[in-house]
Every structure is written in structure tokens, then in C-alpha cells.
């Protein structure tokens, strides 16, 4: 009797222990009863169930990743490219996710991969290669995320958080012709810029030469005018000085001529003794002391 009581107590303890379950942080859970979903919105914390009859299925509530193998697609002009991409996803509907995948993450990835690849194929088929190289990745990934999110929520209970293209590689038979065309386009653009620069330089140089000629002509005109005014003033001063004392003025001009003629100390003049130039150097009544 004592053993039977102990066994009953043990069974009650086990049943009580089996009736409680804990959902950890970062997890979601649903409750099954004979394979049928009873409840699918359990949040982190302590919960209870019917022992033995009901089972708990736990799911990771964090963002998960899908890193697929590179896929080959064709562009609008039927040129092939190798695309390496990855997807970030999370479980949005526990019940739909369980029905679609039986709660298996591997099965979820296997079913999600073709959905993403089909969306990428549609986007690459509608764009030409030049747009892809020039930077059409963001447009593609944005549209693919929207399309795959709708399909994944409906069919798998999965929300697509992000889709990113890691790289786009050109096959060897395509890359050579593409790079050659891009090089020719860049050379053409460089030549156009070079010709435009040379034309602008010629215009600037011609304008500078024109301004130089104008400035020199204005400067020469102003210099001639100033020189003429100076000569006129000098002539007026000379005339005034001559009228005041002609003899002294003549003497002064002769001294200036002597100074200029013998300035270097090596000058030699051959003149007649009675030359007018030697008037004030000769002895006689006309010498000025």
C-alpha cells in the first residue's frame, strides 16, 4: 500500500511538472493537441498545458538568414550574370509557419529560396546590363523584398526583413565586351571634356590677349599725353626763363650741354676754336665767370 501511494505521488508530480512550460526570450510557441493547433500566440514566460495530451512547439523569434548559392540570370538583352545574394527573414505567423514547414527551419529555407530566386529572375529579366552595372541594385532589392514578403507571408508565415545582392559577376565571355564598351564610352566622354576645355582655354587666352592690347594702347595713349603735357610745360618754362634773362639762359643751357657731353669722362670732341659750342670755354669778353 505504501508503494502504491508513493507511485501515485510520483505520477502526480510528473504530471504537474509536465503541465508547465517556459517560453524563453527570443522564442515564440504554439500548443498542439493530437497534431491540431490549439493556440499559437504564446509569448516569453511561464505557461500551462494539459499533460501528455498537449505538446509545445517552440520557434526562434529572432531574425534568421538565408545565404544561397550564386544564381545565374539573364538580363533584358539576354546577357547572363551570376548573382550572389542573401535574405534576412523571421517567423511572422506561428500557425502558418507550422502548417507549411512542420516547424523545420531547413524546410522553411528550402521553400523560401525558390520564391526569392523567382523574384530576382523577374527583376533581372526586365533590366538591361548597363543599368545593373550603373547601380540598379537598390531598386531590384527593394522590389524583390516587397514581392517576396507578400508571397512568404501568405504561403509560409514568414516575413522578409531584407534582401541584399552581395555581388554581380559577369561571365568571362561577357565581361570582356562589356568592359571594352564601357572603356570606349569613358574615353569618348574624356575626349569631349578635353576638347571643351581646350576650346574654353583658347577663348580665355584670346580674351586675355585682347585685353592686353587694349591696356597697352590705353597706357601708351596716356603716357604720350602726359609726356606731351610735360614737354609743353617744359617749353613754357624754358621760354619764360629765356625771356627773363636770355644771356643767363644761354649760359645755363651750354653748361647742361657740357655736362652731358663729358658725363662719362672719356668723351672727345673735335671742334673749331671759334665754335659756338665752345663760346663759354674760351677766354674772351664773352666768357661767363
Protein backbone atom coordinates (compact mmCIF):
# COMPACT_ATOMS: atom_id res chain seq x y z
CA UNK A 1 0.00 0.00 0.00
CA UNK A 2 2.86 2.32 0.86
CA UNK A 3 4.50 1.67 -2.53
CA UNK A 4 1.26 2.37 -4.36
CA UNK A 5 0.85 5.70 -2.55
CA UNK A 6 4.42 6.68 -3.40
CA UNK A 7 3.88 5.76 -7.05
CA UNK A 8 0.70 7.80 -7.19
CA UNK A 9 2.51 10.79 -5.67
CA UNK A 10 5.34 10.42 -8.20
CA UNK A 11 2.87 10.25 -11.10
CA UNK A 12 1.08 13.36 -9.82
CA UNK A 13 4.39 15.23 -9.52
CA UNK A 14 5.41 14.24 -13.04
CA UNK A 15 2.06 15.25 -14.44
CA UNK A 16 2.24 18.59 -12.61
CA UNK A 17 5.78 19.13 -13.88
CA UNK A 18 4.70 18.23 -17.44
CA UNK A 19 1.77 20.64 -17.31
CA UNK A 20 4.03 23.72 -17.09
CA UNK A 21 6.36 25.02 -19.79
CA UNK A 22 8.54 28.08 -20.21
CA UNK A 23 8.91 30.17 -23.36
CA UNK A 24 12.33 31.86 -23.36
CA UNK A 25 13.14 35.36 -24.53
CA UNK A 26 13.61 35.37 -28.30
CA UNK A 27 11.18 32.49 -28.74
CA UNK A 28 7.54 32.00 -29.74
CA UNK A 29 5.50 28.87 -29.12
CA UNK A 30 2.31 27.17 -30.19
CA UNK A 31 0.33 24.42 -28.47
CA UNK A 32 -0.64 21.20 -30.25
CA UNK A 33 -3.23 18.65 -29.27
CA UNK A 34 -3.13 15.44 -31.29
CA UNK A 35 -1.42 17.36 -34.10
CA UNK A 36 -4.06 20.10 -34.14
CA UNK A 37 -3.09 23.68 -33.26
CA UNK A 38 -4.80 24.80 -30.07
CA UNK A 39 -3.04 28.11 -29.52
CA UNK A 40 -0.26 29.87 -31.45
CA UNK A 41 0.43 33.18 -29.69
CA UNK A 42 2.50 32.26 -26.63
CA UNK A 43 4.91 34.98 -25.56
CA UNK A 44 8.01 34.57 -23.33
CA UNK A 45 7.10 33.48 -19.79
CA UNK A 46 5.58 30.58 -17.81
CA UNK A 47 2.53 28.81 -19.29
CA UNK A 48 0.47 25.67 -18.65
CA UNK A 49 -0.92 22.84 -20.74
CA UNK A 50 -2.67 19.53 -20.36
CA UNK A 51 -0.04 16.90 -19.60
CA UNK A 52 0.62 14.16 -22.16
CA UNK A 53 -2.29 15.22 -24.36
CA UNK A 54 -0.86 18.57 -25.46
CA UNK A 55 2.61 19.29 -26.84
CA UNK A 56 4.54 22.57 -27.16
CA UNK A 57 6.32 23.60 -30.34
CA UNK A 58 8.87 26.39 -29.92
CA UNK A 59 10.16 28.69 -32.70
CA UNK A 60 13.06 31.14 -32.89
CA UNK A 61 11.66 34.69 -32.93
CA UNK A 62 14.96 36.31 -33.97
CA UNK A 63 15.95 37.41 -37.47
CA UNK A 64 17.27 34.45 -39.42
CA UNK A 65 19.38 34.30 -42.56
CA UNK A 66 19.29 32.63 -45.95
CA UNK A 67 22.63 32.66 -47.76
CA UNK A 68 22.03 30.89 -51.06
CA UNK A 69 24.48 29.81 -53.72
CA UNK A 70 25.07 32.28 -56.57
CA UNK A 71 22.41 32.03 -59.26
CA UNK A 72 22.71 32.74 -62.97
CA UNK A 73 20.15 35.11 -64.52
CA UNK A 74 19.63 36.69 -67.93
CA UNK A 75 19.19 40.40 -68.47
CA UNK A 76 16.76 42.14 -70.79
CA UNK A 77 19.21 41.84 -73.72
CA UNK A 78 19.73 38.12 -72.91
CA UNK A 79 23.17 38.51 -71.33
CA UNK A 80 23.90 36.26 -68.37
CA UNK A 81 25.10 37.41 -64.95
CA UNK A 82 25.99 35.49 -61.80
CA UNK A 83 24.21 36.95 -58.75
CA UNK A 84 25.24 36.30 -55.15
CA UNK A 85 22.57 37.33 -52.63
CA UNK A 86 21.32 36.79 -49.09
CA UNK A 87 17.96 37.19 -47.32
CA UNK A 88 17.03 38.14 -43.75
CA UNK A 89 13.71 36.71 -42.52
CA UNK A 90 11.74 35.93 -39.37
CA UNK A 91 8.67 33.93 -38.43
CA UNK A 92 5.60 36.19 -38.58
CA UNK A 93 2.76 33.66 -38.13
CA UNK A 94 3.49 30.60 -35.98
CA UNK A 95 0.44 28.66 -37.15
CA UNK A 96 1.05 29.27 -40.88
CA UNK A 97 4.74 28.54 -40.43
CA UNK A 98 3.99 25.22 -38.70
CA UNK A 99 1.44 24.15 -41.33
CA UNK A 100 3.89 24.98 -44.18
CA UNK A 101 7.11 23.61 -42.73
CA UNK A 102 6.16 21.44 -39.73
CA UNK A 103 8.34 23.81 -37.71
CA UNK A 104 11.54 22.77 -39.53
CA UNK A 105 13.87 25.68 -40.36
CA UNK A 106 15.65 23.66 -43.07
CA UNK A 107 12.36 23.01 -44.82
CA UNK A 108 11.45 26.69 -44.50
CA UNK A 109 14.70 27.71 -46.24
CA UNK A 110 14.14 25.14 -48.97
CA UNK A 111 10.69 26.57 -49.69
CA UNK A 112 11.74 30.22 -49.33
CA UNK A 113 14.73 30.00 -51.68
CA UNK A 114 12.77 29.49 -54.94
CA UNK A 115 10.41 32.32 -54.03
CA UNK A 116 13.35 34.73 -53.75
CA UNK A 117 15.06 33.38 -56.86
CA UNK A 118 11.92 33.74 -58.95
CA UNK A 119 11.50 37.37 -57.83
CA UNK A 120 15.15 38.11 -58.64
CA UNK A 121 14.82 36.43 -62.03
CA UNK A 122 11.83 38.61 -62.89
CA UNK A 123 13.68 41.80 -61.94
CA UNK A 124 16.87 40.91 -63.81
CA UNK A 125 14.92 39.86 -66.91
CA UNK A 126 13.29 43.30 -67.05
CA UNK A 127 16.56 45.32 -66.84
CA UNK A 128 19.50 45.69 -69.20
CA UNK A 129 23.08 45.07 -68.19
CA UNK A 130 24.13 48.72 -68.31
CA UNK A 131 21.50 49.68 -65.71
CA UNK A 132 22.67 46.88 -63.42
CA UNK A 133 26.31 47.97 -63.62
CA UNK A 134 25.39 51.63 -63.20
CA UNK A 135 23.77 50.97 -59.82
CA UNK A 136 20.33 49.40 -60.11
CA UNK A 137 20.82 47.04 -57.16
CA UNK A 138 18.84 49.08 -54.64
CA UNK A 139 15.82 49.23 -56.94
CA UNK A 140 16.00 45.50 -57.51
CA UNK A 141 16.40 44.51 -53.86
CA UNK A 142 13.64 46.87 -52.75
CA UNK A 143 11.15 45.43 -55.23
CA UNK A 144 12.23 41.84 -54.52
CA UNK A 145 11.75 42.36 -50.78
CA UNK A 146 8.21 43.63 -51.31
CA UNK A 147 7.25 40.82 -53.68
CA UNK A 148 8.78 38.00 -51.65
CA UNK A 149 7.38 39.35 -48.38
CA UNK A 150 3.82 39.11 -49.74
CA UNK A 151 4.35 35.57 -51.06
CA UNK A 152 6.27 34.33 -47.99
CA UNK A 153 3.69 35.66 -45.51
CA UNK A 154 0.86 34.05 -47.46
CA UNK A 155 2.46 30.66 -48.11
CA UNK A 156 4.96 30.20 -45.26
CA UNK A 157 4.03 32.57 -42.44
CA UNK A 158 7.44 34.23 -42.92
CA UNK A 159 8.22 37.96 -43.04
CA UNK A 160 11.07 39.09 -45.31
CA UNK A 161 13.14 41.66 -43.41
CA UNK A 162 15.77 42.39 -46.07
CA UNK A 163 17.14 41.21 -49.39
CA UNK A 164 20.66 42.17 -50.43
CA UNK A 165 22.78 41.49 -53.51
CA UNK A 166 26.37 40.89 -52.45
CA UNK A 167 27.86 40.91 -55.92
CA UNK A 168 27.04 40.66 -59.60
CA UNK A 169 29.66 38.89 -61.68
CA UNK A 170 29.81 38.79 -65.45
CA UNK A 171 30.76 35.52 -67.14
CA UNK A 172 34.11 35.56 -68.91
CA UNK A 173 32.51 35.64 -72.34
CA UNK A 174 30.50 38.74 -71.43
CA UNK A 175 32.83 40.76 -69.19
CA UNK A 176 35.39 41.48 -71.93
CA UNK A 177 32.89 43.06 -74.33
CA UNK A 178 31.13 44.98 -71.53
CA UNK A 179 34.32 46.45 -70.15
CA UNK A 180 35.52 47.32 -73.65
CA UNK A 181 32.29 49.20 -74.37
CA UNK A 182 32.44 50.97 -71.01
CA UNK A 183 36.07 51.93 -71.69
CA UNK A 184 35.18 53.35 -75.10
CA UNK A 185 32.31 55.34 -73.60
CA UNK A 186 34.58 56.78 -70.91
CA UNK A 187 37.24 57.64 -73.50
CA UNK A 188 34.64 59.39 -75.62
CA UNK A 189 33.46 61.37 -72.60
CA UNK A 190 37.06 62.23 -71.67
CA UNK A 191 37.77 63.45 -75.20
CA UNK A 192 34.66 65.60 -75.19
CA UNK A 193 35.68 67.13 -71.87
CA UNK A 194 39.23 67.66 -73.17
CA UNK A 195 38.00 69.39 -76.34
CA UNK A 196 35.62 71.53 -74.32
CA UNK A 197 38.47 72.51 -72.02
CA UNK A 198 40.76 73.37 -74.91
CA UNK A 199 38.05 75.49 -76.52
CA UNK A 200 37.46 77.32 -73.26
CA UNK A 201 41.21 77.82 -72.83
CA UNK A 202 41.50 79.31 -76.33
CA UNK A 203 38.63 81.69 -75.62
CA UNK A 204 40.20 82.77 -72.32
CA UNK A 205 43.61 83.18 -73.94
CA UNK A 206 42.18 85.25 -76.82
CA UNK A 207 40.24 87.43 -74.41
CA UNK A 208 43.38 87.95 -72.32
CA UNK A 209 45.42 88.92 -75.41
CA UNK A 210 42.69 91.35 -76.46
CA UNK A 211 42.63 92.91 -73.01
CA UNK A 212 46.43 93.12 -73.07
CA UNK A 213 46.40 95.02 -76.38
CA UNK A 214 43.69 97.36 -75.13
CA UNK A 215 45.52 98.01 -71.86
CA UNK A 216 48.84 98.68 -73.66
CA UNK A 217 47.16 101.01 -76.14
CA UNK A 218 45.45 102.91 -73.32
CA UNK A 219 48.72 103.06 -71.37
CA UNK A 220 50.68 104.33 -74.40
CA UNK A 221 47.99 106.91 -75.13
CA UNK A 222 48.02 108.13 -71.55
CA UNK A 223 51.85 108.14 -71.48
CA UNK A 224 52.03 110.13 -74.73
CA UNK A 225 49.50 112.59 -73.39
CA UNK A 226 51.41 113.00 -70.13
CA UNK A 227 54.70 113.34 -71.98
CA UNK A 228 53.20 115.92 -74.32
CA UNK A 229 51.85 117.90 -71.37
CA UNK A 230 55.27 117.69 -69.72
CA UNK A 231 57.08 118.84 -72.85
CA UNK A 232 54.62 121.70 -73.22
CA UNK A 233 55.16 122.75 -69.63
CA UNK A 234 58.94 122.45 -70.05
CA UNK A 235 58.86 124.54 -73.23
CA UNK A 236 56.78 127.15 -71.45
CA UNK A 237 59.24 127.22 -68.54
CA UNK A 238 62.18 127.47 -70.93
CA UNK A 239 60.50 130.30 -72.82
CA UNK A 240 59.73 132.15 -69.61
CA UNK A 241 63.31 131.73 -68.40
CA UNK A 242 64.69 132.88 -71.73
CA UNK A 243 62.57 136.00 -71.74
CA UNK A 244 63.71 136.95 -68.24
CA UNK A 245 67.46 136.71 -69.00
CA UNK A 246 68.45 135.43 -72.44
CA UNK A 247 72.18 135.56 -71.75
CA UNK A 248 71.90 133.56 -68.50
CA UNK A 249 69.56 131.10 -70.14
CA UNK A 250 72.04 130.54 -72.95
CA UNK A 251 74.81 130.09 -70.39
CA UNK A 252 72.75 127.58 -68.42
CA UNK A 253 71.89 125.55 -71.50
CA UNK A 254 75.55 125.48 -72.53
CA UNK A 255 76.57 124.13 -69.12
CA UNK A 256 73.92 121.44 -69.39
CA UNK A 257 75.30 120.51 -72.81
CA UNK A 258 78.87 120.39 -71.47
CA UNK A 259 77.77 118.16 -68.57
CA UNK A 260 76.02 115.77 -70.88
CA UNK A 261 78.89 115.63 -73.38
CA UNK A 262 81.58 114.92 -70.79
CA UNK A 263 79.49 112.87 -68.36
CA UNK A 264 81.48 109.62 -68.76
CA UNK A 265 84.85 111.38 -68.55
CA UNK A 266 86.03 109.74 -71.76
CA UNK A 267 84.31 111.88 -74.34
CA UNK A 268 86.40 113.56 -77.05
CA UNK A 269 85.01 116.42 -79.15
CA UNK A 270 86.78 117.76 -82.26
CA UNK A 271 85.56 121.31 -82.87
CA UNK A 272 86.85 124.54 -84.33
CA UNK A 273 88.14 127.06 -81.78
CA UNK A 274 85.54 129.56 -82.79
CA UNK A 275 82.68 127.06 -82.50
CA UNK A 276 79.57 128.40 -80.81
CA UNK A 277 79.58 125.33 -78.60
CA UNK A 278 82.89 126.47 -77.02
CA UNK A 279 81.76 130.01 -76.51
CA UNK A 280 81.77 129.86 -72.70
CA UNK A 281 85.01 127.84 -72.53
CA UNK A 282 87.20 130.21 -74.48
CA UNK A 283 88.97 133.18 -72.97
CA UNK A 284 87.46 136.44 -74.11
CA UNK A 285 84.94 139.10 -73.38
CA UNK A 286 82.07 136.62 -73.78
CA UNK A 287 83.22 134.17 -71.08
CA UNK A 288 80.90 133.94 -68.06
CA UNK A 289 82.53 133.53 -64.70
